Amino acid sequence: MSTLVDAGPRPARTAVGRLALASLVANILIVVTGGAVRLTGSGLGCPTWPECTDTTADRPGSFVPHGELGAHGVIEFGNRLLTFVLVAVAVATLFAVWRTRPARRSLRRLGLLLALGIPAQAVVGGVTVLTDLNPWLVALHLMLSMVLISLAVVLVHRVDEGDGPARPTMSPAAVWLVRTTFALTWMVLYVGTVVTGSGPHAGDADVPRNGLDPAVTSQLHASLVFLLIGLTVGAVFALRATGAPRDAVMAAQVLLGVELAQGLVGFVQYATDLPVVLVGLHLLGATLVVVAATRLLLLTATAARPRERDEWRKPSPSCRVAQTVVNQEVRATRLRHSVDPWQ
């Protein structure tokens, strides 16, 4: 296996970076299409798993929907097919990072986690279908997708970093503030899934909800969102005041902008009785919040950028000058010994 992986030309860093970015986009896409399945009431369009239909007296089980399942079956089956696209991208990314030279352990670990996370996520999705879209499992299914998105962001970022010790880029207080903001982001996301589990758009007309009061859970979610926005505003000013790198300040500003846009969409959808389009847009916004929050966290520290294999072989200009001087001295010494061997 190792021989097969090592065969052929080595992928350039730019190619690995593109595959990592493709993995990120694919993971975001599967969240959006999964949301479309729920919002169209197609969550049980394929009522079983891993097949789409069970074996009956009249028809054997099938992995593809039949005509009786209608549009809901097609929508759910299409979402399942996208999983194979995600797998293909993850495998290609893992293959590329495994063949990168010099070897990058961090990239290999991230690529492996993403590749293993997709089938694990598929199993959770299958159990969700088998339990008739239990709202708590639906929430877990979404949160796992968010974790994969965050890991994909880390992979994209780490392609241009080294594997040595990380060096802080900002003050300890600023790092603590960013980490707190990141942790609160995940709390907001989880409470958001609880709100979804208490309201409409269950994925099927006959699916029970989690039994919590939607008004209470929505208020809790809104309170956490206000706290998150406040912390992010504090992070922006703290990074500016402490002389943090420009990239980190910009990342904090981007996170704040995404949060404000996401909060606006959330408020409007709540005030307008949760129209499908706005709920779908809110779900996309949640993925972008994860991307922005993860990137900000990564910019609290940095490691030296790795050099390509050919770059390791190529001496720097100063090294070439020093080598030229040494060669001249060697030639002069040899010339003197050829004239007077006793020197």
C-alpha atoms as a PDB file:
ATOM      1  CA  MET A   1       0.000   0.000   0.000  1.00  0.00           C
ATOM      2  CA  SER A   2       2.793   2.382   0.894  1.00  0.00           C
ATOM      3  CA  THR A   3       4.500   1.613  -2.447  1.00  0.00           C
ATOM      4  CA  LEU A   4       1.314   2.398  -4.361  1.00  0.00           C
ATOM      5  CA  VAL A   5       0.826   5.675  -2.513  1.00  0.00           C
ATOM      6  CA  ASP A   6       4.446   6.731  -3.053  1.00  0.00           C
ATOM      7  CA  ALA A   7       4.383   6.000  -6.803  1.00  0.00           C
ATOM      8  CA  GLY A   8       4.086   8.812  -9.312  1.00  0.00           C
ATOM      9  CA  PRO A   9       4.804  12.536  -9.178  1.00  0.00           C
ATOM     10  CA  ARG A  10       4.484  14.475  -5.944  1.00  0.00           C
ATOM     11  CA  PRO A  11       1.578  16.927  -5.632  1.00  0.00           C
ATOM     12  CA  ALA A  12       2.548  20.582  -5.358  1.00  0.00           C
ATOM     13  CA  ARG A  13       1.473  22.601  -2.327  1.00  0.00           C
ATOM     14  CA  THR A  14      -0.959  24.553  -4.510  1.00  0.00           C
ATOM     15  CA  ALA A  15      -2.662  21.313  -5.599  1.00  0.00           C
ATOM     16  CA  VAL A  16      -2.985  20.151  -1.992  1.00  0.00           C
ATOM     17  CA  GLY A  17      -4.404  23.544  -1.062  1.00  0.00           C
ATOM     18  CA  ARG A  18      -7.009  23.346  -3.836  1.00  0.00           C
ATOM     19  CA  LEU A  19      -8.088  19.885  -2.742  1.00  0.00           C
ATOM     20  CA  ALA A  20      -8.341  21.035   0.869  1.00  0.00           C
ATOM     21  CA  LEU A  21     -10.499  23.952  -0.256  1.00  0.00           C
ATOM     22  CA  ALA A  22     -12.643  21.588  -2.334  1.00  0.00           C
ATOM     23  CA  SER A  23     -13.137  19.441   0.759  1.00  0.00           C
ATOM     24  CA  LEU A  24     -14.316  22.509   2.685  1.00  0.00           C
ATOM     25  CA  VAL A  25     -16.763  23.536  -0.051  1.00  0.00           C
ATOM     26  CA  ALA A  26     -18.107  19.981  -0.356  1.00  0.00           C
ATOM     27  CA  ASN A  27     -18.759  19.752   3.384  1.00  0.00           C
ATOM     28  CA  ILE A  28     -20.618  23.061   3.325  1.00  0.00           C
ATOM     29  CA  LEU A  29     -22.623  21.913   0.307  1.00  0.00           C
ATOM     30  CA  ILE A  30     -23.757  18.691   1.993  1.00  0.00           C
ATOM     31  CA  VAL A  31     -25.065  20.731   4.941  1.00  0.00           C
ATOM     32  CA  VAL A  32     -27.057  22.982   2.609  1.00  0.00           C
ATOM     33  CA  THR A  33     -28.526  20.074   0.637  1.00  0.00           C
ATOM     34  CA  GLY A  34     -29.327  18.254   3.879  1.00  0.00           C
ATOM     35  CA  GLY A  35     -31.198  21.348   4.973  1.00  0.00           C
ATOM     36  CA  ALA A  36     -33.099  21.330   1.678  1.00  0.00           C
ATOM     37  CA  VAL A  37     -34.169  17.745   2.402  1.00  0.00           C
ATOM     38  CA  ARG A  38     -35.574  18.794   5.778  1.00  0.00           C
ATOM     39  CA  LEU A  39     -37.198  21.997   4.551  1.00  0.00           C
ATOM     40  CA  THR A  40     -39.004  20.228   1.696  1.00  0.00           C
ATOM     41  CA  GLY A  41     -40.351  17.556   4.051  1.00  0.00           C
ATOM     42  CA  SER A  42     -38.254  14.890   2.317  1.00  0.00           C
ATOM     43  CA  GLY A  43     -36.423  13.576   5.372  1.00  0.00           C
ATOM     44  CA  LEU A  44     -38.180  10.223   5.033  1.00  0.00           C
ATOM     45  CA  GLY A  45     -38.339  10.317   1.237  1.00  0.00           C
ATOM     46  CA  CYS A  46     -36.258   7.161   1.514  1.00  0.00           C
ATOM     47  CA  PRO A  47     -37.897   5.591   4.567  1.00  0.00           C
ATOM     48  CA  THR A  48     -35.063   3.222   5.425  1.00  0.00           C
ATOM     49  CA  TRP A  49     -31.273   2.964   5.339  1.00  0.00           C
ATOM     50  CA  PRO A  50     -28.865   1.990   3.793  1.00  0.00           C
ATOM     51  CA  GLU A  51     -31.444   1.024   1.158  1.00  0.00           C
ATOM     52  CA  CYS A  52     -34.025   3.542   0.032  1.00  0.00           C
ATOM     53  CA  THR A  53     -36.973   1.115   0.329  1.00  0.00           C
ATOM     54  CA  ASP A  54     -37.598  -2.024   2.369  1.00  0.00           C
ATOM     55  CA  THR A  55     -38.336  -5.443   0.949  1.00  0.00           C
ATOM     56  CA  THR A  56     -42.075  -6.096   0.694  1.00  0.00           C
ATOM     57  CA  ALA A  57     -44.242  -8.916  -0.593  1.00  0.00           C
ATOM     58  CA  ASP A  58     -44.617  -7.078  -3.889  1.00  0.00           C
ATOM     59  CA  ARG A  59     -41.179  -5.571  -4.354  1.00  0.00           C
ATOM     60  CA  PRO A  60     -37.602  -6.293  -3.213  1.00  0.00           C
ATOM     61  CA  GLY A  61     -35.657  -3.641  -1.363  1.00  0.00           C
ATOM     62  CA  SER A  62     -33.924  -1.041  -3.506  1.00  0.00           C
ATOM     63  CA  PHE A  63     -31.144   1.500  -3.105  1.00  0.00           C
ATOM     64  CA  VAL A  64     -32.945   3.862  -5.497  1.00  0.00           C
ATOM     65  CA  PRO A  65     -36.402   5.378  -5.019  1.00  0.00           C
ATOM     66  CA  HIS A  66     -39.384   4.068  -6.978  1.00  0.00           C
ATOM     67  CA  GLY A  67     -42.200   6.111  -8.430  1.00  0.00           C
ATOM     68  CA  GLU A  68     -44.480   5.821  -5.412  1.00  0.00           C
ATOM     69  CA  LEU A  69     -42.068   7.867  -3.280  1.00  0.00           C
ATOM     70  CA  GLY A  70     -42.512  10.845  -5.583  1.00  0.00           C
ATOM     71  CA  ALA A  71     -40.398  14.005  -5.441  1.00  0.00           C
ATOM     72  CA  HIS A  72     -39.518  13.492  -1.777  1.00  0.00           C
ATOM     73  CA  GLY A  73     -37.785  10.213  -2.628  1.00  0.00           C
ATOM     74  CA  VAL A  74     -35.806  11.869  -5.418  1.00  0.00           C
ATOM     75  CA  ILE A  75     -34.692  14.734  -3.151  1.00  0.00           C
ATOM     76  CA  GLU A  76     -33.557  12.446  -0.336  1.00  0.00           C
ATOM     77  CA  PHE A  77     -31.850  10.053  -2.756  1.00  0.00           C
ATOM     78  CA  GLY A  78     -30.039  12.978  -4.422  1.00  0.00           C
ATOM     79  CA  ASN A  79     -28.692  14.066  -1.058  1.00  0.00           C
ATOM     80  CA  ARG A  80     -27.436  10.542  -0.401  1.00  0.00           C
ATOM     81  CA  LEU A  81     -25.668  10.527  -3.765  1.00  0.00           C
ATOM     82  CA  LEU A  82     -23.826  13.727  -2.867  1.00  0.00           C
ATOM     83  CA  THR A  83     -22.188  11.797  -0.042  1.00  0.00           C
ATOM     84  CA  PHE A  84     -20.225   9.851  -2.665  1.00  0.00           C
ATOM     85  CA  VAL A  85     -18.967  13.122  -4.141  1.00  0.00           C
ATOM     86  CA  LEU A  86     -17.849  14.135  -0.672  1.00  0.00           C
ATOM     87  CA  VAL A  87     -16.091  10.782  -0.234  1.00  0.00           C
ATOM     88  CA  ALA A  88     -14.291  11.169  -3.569  1.00  0.00           C
ATOM     89  CA  VAL A  89     -13.018  14.630  -2.627  1.00  0.00           C
ATOM     90  CA  ALA A  90     -11.941  13.422   0.826  1.00  0.00           C
ATOM     91  CA  VAL A  91     -10.062  10.422  -0.595  1.00  0.00           C
ATOM     92  CA  ALA A  92      -8.315  12.584  -3.193  1.00  0.00           C
ATOM     93  CA  THR A  93      -7.328  15.058  -0.466  1.00  0.00           C
ATOM     94  CA  LEU A  94      -6.021  12.283   1.788  1.00  0.00           C
ATOM     95  CA  PHE A  95      -4.033  10.775  -1.100  1.00  0.00           C
ATOM     96  CA  ALA A  96      -2.480  14.162  -1.889  1.00  0.00           C
ATOM     97  CA  VAL A  97      -1.483  15.031   1.679  1.00  0.00           C
ATOM     98  CA  TRP A  98      -0.062  11.543   2.202  1.00  0.00           C
ATOM     99  CA  ARG A  99       2.249  11.989  -0.776  1.00  0.00           C
ATOM    100  CA  THR A 100       3.381  15.506   0.101  1.00  0.00           C
ATOM    101  CA  ARG A 101       7.135  15.816   0.649  1.00  0.00           C
ATOM    102  CA  PRO A 102       8.511  16.580   3.110  1.00  0.00           C
ATOM    103  CA  ALA A 103       5.982  14.461   5.003  1.00  0.00           C
ATOM    104  CA  ARG A 104       3.460  16.506   6.985  1.00  0.00           C
ATOM    105  CA  ARG A 105       2.022  14.597   9.946  1.00  0.00           C
ATOM    106  CA  SER A 106      -0.503  17.303  10.744  1.00  0.00           C
ATOM    107  CA  LEU A 107      -1.896  17.244   7.205  1.00  0.00           C
ATOM    108  CA  ARG A 108      -2.080  13.465   7.233  1.00  0.00           C
ATOM    109  CA  ARG A 109      -4.000  13.453  10.516  1.00  0.00           C
ATOM    110  CA  LEU A 110      -6.455  16.070   9.278  1.00  0.00           C
ATOM    111  CA  GLY A 111      -6.946  14.325   5.945  1.00  0.00           C
ATOM    112  CA  LEU A 112      -7.537  11.018   7.716  1.00  0.00           C
ATOM    113  CA  LEU A 113     -10.037  12.551  10.156  1.00  0.00           C
ATOM    114  CA  LEU A 114     -11.997  14.098   7.294  1.00  0.00           C
ATOM    115  CA  ALA A 115     -11.978  10.863   5.312  1.00  0.00           C
ATOM    116  CA  LEU A 116     -13.151   8.801   8.298  1.00  0.00           C
ATOM    117  CA  GLY A 117     -15.630  11.432   9.434  1.00  0.00           C
ATOM    118  CA  ILE A 118     -17.729  11.173   6.279  1.00  0.00           C
ATOM    119  CA  PRO A 119     -18.724   7.486   6.628  1.00  0.00           C
ATOM    120  CA  ALA A 120     -19.245   8.036  10.355  1.00  0.00           C
ATOM    121  CA  GLN A 121     -21.533  10.941   9.503  1.00  0.00           C
ATOM    122  CA  ALA A 122     -23.380   8.769   6.985  1.00  0.00           C
ATOM    123  CA  VAL A 123     -24.012   6.160   9.672  1.00  0.00           C
ATOM    124  CA  VAL A 124     -25.412   8.817  12.010  1.00  0.00           C
ATOM    125  CA  GLY A 125     -27.643  10.000   9.174  1.00  0.00           C
ATOM    126  CA  GLY A 126     -28.816   6.438   8.581  1.00  0.00           C
ATOM    127  CA  VAL A 127     -29.660   5.936  12.253  1.00  0.00           C
ATOM    128  CA  THR A 128     -31.528   9.248  12.133  1.00  0.00           C
ATOM    129  CA  VAL A 129     -33.703   7.903   9.317  1.00  0.00           C
ATOM    130  CA  LEU A 130     -34.236   4.570  11.104  1.00  0.00           C
ATOM    131  CA  THR A 131     -35.429   6.439  14.217  1.00  0.00           C
ATOM    132  CA  ASP A 132     -37.916   8.506  12.161  1.00  0.00           C
ATOM    133  CA  LEU A 133     -35.886  11.714  12.327  1.00  0.00           C
ATOM    134  CA  ASN A 134     -35.449  11.897  16.073  1.00  0.00           C
ATOM    135  CA  PRO A 135     -34.786  15.645  16.612  1.00  0.00           C
ATOM    136  CA  TRP A 136     -31.867  15.003  18.976  1.00  0.00           C
ATOM    137  CA  LEU A 137     -30.161  12.787  16.412  1.00  0.00           C
ATOM    138  CA  VAL A 138     -30.879  15.340  13.682  1.00  0.00           C
ATOM    139  CA  ALA A 139     -29.096  17.907  15.870  1.00  0.00           C
ATOM    140  CA  LEU A 140     -26.140  15.545  16.335  1.00  0.00           C
ATOM    141  CA  HIS A 141     -26.046  14.935  12.581  1.00  0.00           C
ATOM    142  CA  LEU A 142     -25.760  18.661  11.900  1.00  0.00           C
ATOM    143  CA  MET A 143     -23.185  19.296  14.620  1.00  0.00           C
ATOM    144  CA  LEU A 144     -20.935  16.549  13.248  1.00  0.00           C
ATOM    145  CA  SER A 145     -21.115  18.212   9.841  1.00  0.00           C
ATOM    146  CA  MET A 146     -20.062  21.484  11.455  1.00  0.00           C
ATOM    147  CA  VAL A 147     -17.098  19.717  13.063  1.00  0.00           C
ATOM    148  CA  LEU A 148     -16.032  18.402   9.645  1.00  0.00           C
ATOM    149  CA  ILE A 149     -16.303  21.919   8.211  1.00  0.00           C
ATOM    150  CA  SER A 150     -14.101  23.236  11.010  1.00  0.00           C
ATOM    151  CA  LEU A 151     -11.532  20.484  10.391  1.00  0.00           C
ATOM    152  CA  ALA A 152     -11.533  21.334   6.690  1.00  0.00           C
ATOM    153  CA  VAL A 153     -10.789  24.972   7.543  1.00  0.00           C
ATOM    154  CA  VAL A 154      -7.863  23.809   9.692  1.00  0.00           C
ATOM    155  CA  LEU A 155      -6.565  21.705   6.804  1.00  0.00           C
ATOM    156  CA  VAL A 156      -6.749  24.632   4.373  1.00  0.00           C
ATOM    157  CA  HIS A 157      -4.872  26.805   6.863  1.00  0.00           C
ATOM    158  CA  ARG A 158      -2.254  24.219   7.795  1.00  0.00           C
ATOM    159  CA  VAL A 159      -1.191  23.603   4.198  1.00  0.00           C
ATOM    160  CA  ASP A 160       0.843  26.830   4.365  1.00  0.00           C
ATOM    161  CA  GLU A 161       2.189  26.257   7.865  1.00  0.00           C
ATOM    162  CA  GLY A 162       4.867  24.016   9.330  1.00  0.00           C
ATOM    163  CA  ASP A 163       4.620  21.249  11.909  1.00  0.00           C
ATOM    164  CA  GLY A 164       6.963  22.852  14.427  1.00  0.00           C
ATOM    165  CA  PRO A 165       5.995  24.563  17.683  1.00  0.00           C
ATOM    166  CA  ALA A 166       3.366  27.263  17.219  1.00  0.00           C
ATOM    167  CA  ARG A 167       4.356  30.837  18.040  1.00  0.00           C
ATOM    168  CA  PRO A 168       1.658  33.137  19.492  1.00  0.00           C
ATOM    169  CA  THR A 169       0.806  36.096  17.278  1.00  0.00           C
ATOM    170  CA  MET A 170      -1.015  38.155  19.918  1.00  0.00           C
ATOM    171  CA  SER A 171      -1.113  38.832  23.637  1.00  0.00           C
ATOM    172  CA  PRO A 172      -2.276  36.105  26.064  1.00  0.00           C
ATOM    173  CA  ALA A 173      -5.382  38.142  26.945  1.00  0.00           C
ATOM    174  CA  ALA A 174      -6.342  38.444  23.275  1.00  0.00           C
ATOM    175  CA  VAL A 175      -5.799  34.713  22.762  1.00  0.00           C
ATOM    176  CA  TRP A 176      -8.056  33.971  25.732  1.00  0.00           C
ATOM    177  CA  LEU A 177     -10.754  36.256  24.312  1.00  0.00           C
ATOM    178  CA  VAL A 178     -10.618  34.599  20.889  1.00  0.00           C
ATOM    179  CA  ARG A 179     -10.780  31.120  22.415  1.00  0.00           C
ATOM    180  CA  THR A 180     -13.786  32.106  24.534  1.00  0.00           C
ATOM    181  CA  THR A 181     -15.484  33.482  21.427  1.00  0.00           C
ATOM    182  CA  PHE A 182     -14.794  30.225  19.598  1.00  0.00           C
ATOM    183  CA  ALA A 183     -16.242  28.119  22.431  1.00  0.00           C
ATOM    184  CA  LEU A 184     -19.346  30.309  22.637  1.00  0.00           C
ATOM    185  CA  THR A 185     -19.804  29.966  18.878  1.00  0.00           C
ATOM    186  CA  TRP A 186     -20.275  26.227  19.275  1.00  0.00           C
ATOM    187  CA  MET A 187     -22.694  26.750  22.141  1.00  0.00           C
ATOM    188  CA  VAL A 188     -24.770  29.081  19.961  1.00  0.00           C
ATOM    189  CA  LEU A 189     -24.759  26.516  17.148  1.00  0.00           C
ATOM    190  CA  TYR A 190     -25.918  23.698  19.407  1.00  0.00           C
ATOM    191  CA  VAL A 191     -28.720  25.724  20.988  1.00  0.00           C
ATOM    192  CA  GLY A 192     -29.734  26.654  17.449  1.00  0.00           C
ATOM    193  CA  THR A 193     -30.212  22.973  16.638  1.00  0.00           C
ATOM    194  CA  VAL A 194     -32.342  22.615  19.784  1.00  0.00           C
ATOM    195  CA  VAL A 195     -34.506  25.525  18.599  1.00  0.00           C
ATOM    196  CA  THR A 196     -34.900  23.787  15.247  1.00  0.00           C
ATOM    197  CA  GLY A 197     -35.902  20.561  16.988  1.00  0.00           C
ATOM    198  CA  SER A 198     -38.672  22.359  18.865  1.00  0.00           C
ATOM    199  CA  GLY A 199     -40.190  24.122  15.857  1.00  0.00           C
ATOM    200  CA  PRO A 200     -41.586  23.286  12.411  1.00  0.00           C
ATOM    201  CA  HIS A 201     -39.654  22.012   9.391  1.00  0.00           C
ATOM    202  CA  ALA A 202     -39.070  18.613  10.976  1.00  0.00           C
ATOM    203  CA  GLY A 203     -38.325  16.896   7.680  1.00  0.00           C
ATOM    204  CA  ASP A 204     -41.639  15.027   7.583  1.00  0.00           C
ATOM    205  CA  ALA A 205     -45.196  15.912   8.548  1.00  0.00           C
ATOM    206  CA  ASP A 206     -45.519  13.071  11.074  1.00  0.00           C
ATOM    207  CA  VAL A 207     -42.199  13.529  12.897  1.00  0.00           C
ATOM    208  CA  PRO A 208     -42.533  14.473  16.607  1.00  0.00           C
ATOM    209  CA  ARG A 209     -40.555  17.410  17.982  1.00  0.00           C
ATOM    210  CA  ASN A 210     -38.318  17.491  21.061  1.00  0.00           C
ATOM    211  CA  GLY A 211     -41.102  18.797  23.315  1.00  0.00           C
ATOM    212  CA  LEU A 212     -39.380  22.047  24.354  1.00  0.00           C
ATOM    213  CA  ASP A 213     -41.091  25.407  24.154  1.00  0.00           C
ATOM    214  CA  PRO A 214     -39.964  27.102  20.910  1.00  0.00           C
ATOM    215  CA  ALA A 215     -40.341  30.583  22.423  1.00  0.00           C
ATOM    216  CA  VAL A 216     -38.128  29.747  25.399  1.00  0.00           C
ATOM    217  CA  THR A 217     -35.436  28.039  23.344  1.00  0.00           C
ATOM    218  CA  SER A 218     -35.478  30.866  20.798  1.00  0.00           C
ATOM    219  CA  GLN A 219     -34.990  33.427  23.569  1.00  0.00           C
ATOM    220  CA  LEU A 220     -32.063  31.467  24.980  1.00  0.00           C
ATOM    221  CA  HIS A 221     -30.554  31.243  21.512  1.00  0.00           C
ATOM    222  CA  ALA A 222     -30.990  34.980  20.934  1.00  0.00           C
ATOM    223  CA  SER A 223     -29.385  35.807  24.286  1.00  0.00           C
ATOM    224  CA  LEU A 224     -26.345  33.696  23.445  1.00  0.00           C
ATOM    225  CA  VAL A 225     -26.125  35.344  20.023  1.00  0.00           C
ATOM    226  CA  PHE A 226     -26.048  38.819  21.625  1.00  0.00           C
ATOM    227  CA  LEU A 227     -23.309  37.618  23.991  1.00  0.00           C
ATOM    228  CA  LEU A 228     -21.335  36.185  21.068  1.00  0.00           C
ATOM    229  CA  ILE A 229     -21.583  39.416  19.102  1.00  0.00           C
ATOM    230  CA  GLY A 230     -20.452  41.358  22.175  1.00  0.00           C
ATOM    231  CA  LEU A 231     -17.426  39.113  22.637  1.00  0.00           C
ATOM    232  CA  THR A 232     -16.544  39.407  18.961  1.00  0.00           C
ATOM    233  CA  VAL A 233     -16.740  43.207  19.114  1.00  0.00           C
ATOM    234  CA  GLY A 234     -14.438  43.033  22.132  1.00  0.00           C
ATOM    235  CA  ALA A 235     -12.062  40.783  20.208  1.00  0.00           C
ATOM    236  CA  VAL A 236     -11.903  43.245  17.302  1.00  0.00           C
ATOM    237  CA  PHE A 237     -10.979  46.157  19.575  1.00  0.00           C
ATOM    238  CA  ALA A 238      -8.585  44.036  21.660  1.00  0.00           C
ATOM    239  CA  LEU A 239      -6.703  42.811  18.602  1.00  0.00           C
ATOM    240  CA  ARG A 240      -6.383  46.342  17.281  1.00  0.00           C
ATOM    241  CA  ALA A 241      -5.245  47.743  20.626  1.00  0.00           C
ATOM    242  CA  THR A 242      -2.619  45.064  21.227  1.00  0.00           C
ATOM    243  CA  GLY A 243      -1.048  45.257  17.778  1.00  0.00           C
ATOM    244  CA  ALA A 244      -2.197  41.845  16.552  1.00  0.00           C
ATOM    245  CA  PRO A 245      -1.354  40.927  12.937  1.00  0.00           C
ATOM    246  CA  ARG A 246      -3.533  42.495  10.268  1.00  0.00           C
ATOM    247  CA  ASP A 247      -4.819  39.078   9.155  1.00  0.00           C
ATOM    248  CA  ALA A 248      -6.101  38.363  12.655  1.00  0.00           C
ATOM    249  CA  VAL A 249      -7.834  41.742  12.933  1.00  0.00           C
ATOM    250  CA  MET A 250      -9.415  41.219   9.513  1.00  0.00           C
ATOM    251  CA  ALA A 251     -10.554  37.712  10.503  1.00  0.00           C
ATOM    252  CA  ALA A 252     -12.231  39.088  13.626  1.00  0.00           C
ATOM    253  CA  GLN A 253     -13.987  41.742  11.545  1.00  0.00           C
ATOM    254  CA  VAL A 254     -15.162  39.124   9.053  1.00  0.00           C
ATOM    255  CA  LEU A 255     -16.514  36.985  11.888  1.00  0.00           C
ATOM    256  CA  LEU A 256     -18.381  39.974  13.285  1.00  0.00           C
ATOM    257  CA  GLY A 257     -19.869  40.758   9.879  1.00  0.00           C
ATOM    258  CA  VAL A 258     -21.027  37.173   9.381  1.00  0.00           C
ATOM    259  CA  GLU A 259     -22.534  37.110  12.873  1.00  0.00           C
ATOM    260  CA  LEU A 260     -24.453  40.340  12.276  1.00  0.00           C
ATOM    261  CA  ALA A 261     -25.788  39.094   8.933  1.00  0.00           C
ATOM    262  CA  GLN A 262     -26.695  35.747  10.481  1.00  0.00           C
ATOM    263  CA  GLY A 263     -28.436  37.456  13.393  1.00  0.00           C
ATOM    264  CA  LEU A 264     -30.438  39.642  11.003  1.00  0.00           C
ATOM    265  CA  VAL A 265     -31.587  36.624   8.988  1.00  0.00           C
ATOM    266  CA  GLY A 266     -32.492  34.794  12.193  1.00  0.00           C
ATOM    267  CA  PHE A 267     -34.556  37.726  13.480  1.00  0.00           C
ATOM    268  CA  VAL A 268     -36.404  38.176  10.192  1.00  0.00           C
ATOM    269  CA  GLN A 269     -37.165  34.471   9.829  1.00  0.00           C
ATOM    270  CA  TYR A 270     -38.527  34.336  13.382  1.00  0.00           C
ATOM    271  CA  ALA A 271     -40.686  37.410  12.804  1.00  0.00           C
ATOM    272  CA  THR A 272     -42.044  36.040   9.512  1.00  0.00           C
ATOM    273  CA  ASP A 273     -42.942  32.532  10.786  1.00  0.00           C
ATOM    274  CA  LEU A 274     -39.870  30.736   9.425  1.00  0.00           C
ATOM    275  CA  PRO A 275     -40.172  30.859   5.627  1.00  0.00           C
ATOM    276  CA  VAL A 276     -38.267  28.054   3.955  1.00  0.00           C
ATOM    277  CA  VAL A 277     -35.893  30.285   1.966  1.00  0.00           C
ATOM    278  CA  LEU A 278     -34.773  32.238   5.027  1.00  0.00           C
ATOM    279  CA  VAL A 279     -34.338  29.084   7.101  1.00  0.00           C
ATOM    280  CA  GLY A 280     -32.116  27.648   4.370  1.00  0.00           C
ATOM    281  CA  LEU A 281     -30.131  30.886   4.208  1.00  0.00           C
ATOM    282  CA  HIS A 282     -29.757  30.811   7.998  1.00  0.00           C
ATOM    283  CA  LEU A 283     -28.351  27.280   7.776  1.00  0.00           C
ATOM    284  CA  LEU A 284     -25.797  28.399   5.186  1.00  0.00           C
ATOM    285  CA  GLY A 285     -24.912  31.300   7.469  1.00  0.00           C
ATOM    286  CA  ALA A 286     -24.242  28.871  10.316  1.00  0.00           C
ATOM    287  CA  THR A 287     -21.601  27.109   8.203  1.00  0.00           C
ATOM    288  CA  LEU A 288     -19.972  30.452   7.393  1.00  0.00           C
ATOM    289  CA  VAL A 289     -19.881  31.346  11.101  1.00  0.00           C
ATOM    290  CA  VAL A 290     -17.983  28.093  11.747  1.00  0.00           C
ATOM    291  CA  VAL A 291     -15.533  28.906   8.948  1.00  0.00           C
ATOM    292  CA  ALA A 292     -14.911  32.450  10.201  1.00  0.00           C
ATOM    293  CA  ALA A 293     -14.619  31.478  13.881  1.00  0.00           C
ATOM    294  CA  THR A 294     -12.208  28.636  13.131  1.00  0.00           C
ATOM    295  CA  ARG A 295     -10.006  30.841  10.975  1.00  0.00           C
ATOM    296  CA  LEU A 296      -9.808  33.493  13.691  1.00  0.00           C
ATOM    297  CA  LEU A 297      -8.786  30.864  16.236  1.00  0.00           C
ATOM    298  CA  LEU A 298      -6.064  29.548  13.932  1.00  0.00           C
ATOM    299  CA  LEU A 299      -4.576  33.030  13.535  1.00  0.00           C
ATOM    300  CA  THR A 300      -3.815  33.282  17.265  1.00  0.00           C
ATOM    301  CA  ALA A 301      -0.617  31.319  16.567  1.00  0.00           C
ATOM    302  CA  THR A 302       1.567  30.473  13.614  1.00  0.00           C
ATOM    303  CA  ALA A 303       4.283  28.030  12.623  1.00  0.00           C
ATOM    304  CA  ALA A 304       7.013  28.382  10.015  1.00  0.00           C
ATOM    305  CA  ARG A 305       5.842  27.784   6.469  1.00  0.00           C
ATOM    306  CA  PRO A 306       7.176  24.531   4.971  1.00  0.00           C
ATOM    307  CA  ARG A 307       9.362  24.584   1.905  1.00  0.00           C
ATOM    308  CA  GLU A 308       8.807  22.418  -1.131  1.00  0.00           C
ATOM    309  CA  ARG A 309      11.105  19.473  -1.689  1.00  0.00           C
ATOM    310  CA  ASP A 310      13.004  21.276  -4.454  1.00  0.00           C
ATOM    311  CA  GLU A 311      13.327  24.346  -2.241  1.00  0.00           C
ATOM    312  CA  TRP A 312      15.134  22.271   0.378  1.00  0.00           C
ATOM    313  CA  ARG A 313      17.650  21.216  -2.250  1.00  0.00           C
ATOM    314  CA  LYS A 314      18.215  24.726  -3.618  1.00  0.00           C
ATOM    315  CA  PRO A 315      20.715  26.796  -1.535  1.00  0.00           C
ATOM    316  CA  SER A 316      19.817  30.354  -0.633  1.00  0.00           C
ATOM    317  CA  PRO A 317      21.728  33.254  -2.307  1.00  0.00           C
ATOM    318  CA  SER A 318      23.848  33.821   0.814  1.00  0.00           C
ATOM    319  CA  CYS A 319      24.760  30.140   0.908  1.00  0.00           C
ATOM    320  CA  ARG A 320      25.777  30.261  -2.754  1.00  0.00           C
ATOM    321  CA  VAL A 321      28.068  33.258  -2.095  1.00  0.00           C
ATOM    322  CA  ALA A 322      29.663  31.527   0.891  1.00  0.00           C
ATOM    323  CA  GLN A 323      30.151  28.347  -1.127  1.00  0.00           C
ATOM    324  CA  THR A 324      31.834  30.342  -3.929  1.00  0.00           C
ATOM    325  CA  VAL A 325      34.278  31.913  -1.451  1.00  0.00           C
ATOM    326  CA  VAL A 326      35.104  28.487   0.028  1.00  0.00           C
ATOM    327  CA  ASN A 327      35.669  27.011  -3.421  1.00  0.00           C
ATOM    328  CA  GLN A 328      38.039  29.844  -4.333  1.00  0.00           C
ATOM    329  CA  GLU A 329      40.045  29.310  -1.128  1.00  0.00           C
ATOM    330  CA  VAL A 330      40.273  25.583  -1.832  1.00  0.00           C
ATOM    331  CA  ARG A 331      41.518  26.187  -5.347  1.00  0.00           C
ATOM    332  CA  ALA A 332      44.106  28.725  -4.116  1.00  0.00           C
ATOM    333  CA  THR A 333      45.363  26.289  -1.477  1.00  0.00           C
ATOM    334  CA  ARG A 334      45.706  23.485  -4.025  1.00  0.00           C
ATOM    335  CA  LEU A 335      47.625  25.825  -6.353  1.00  0.00           C
ATOM    336  CA  ARG A 336      50.111  26.780  -3.610  1.00  0.00           C
ATOM    337  CA  HIS A 337      50.690  23.112  -2.734  1.00  0.00           C
ATOM    338  CA  SER A 338      51.289  22.249  -6.356  1.00  0.00           C
ATOM    339  CA  VAL A 339      54.043  24.912  -6.533  1.00  0.00           C
ATOM    340  CA  ASP A 340      55.614  24.154  -3.108  1.00  0.00           C
ATOM    341  CA  PRO A 341      54.390  20.883  -1.572  1.00  0.00           C
ATOM    342  CA  TRP A 342      56.066  21.800   1.774  1.00  0.00           C
ATOM    343  CA  GLN A 343      53.795  24.817   2.352  1.00  0.00           C
END
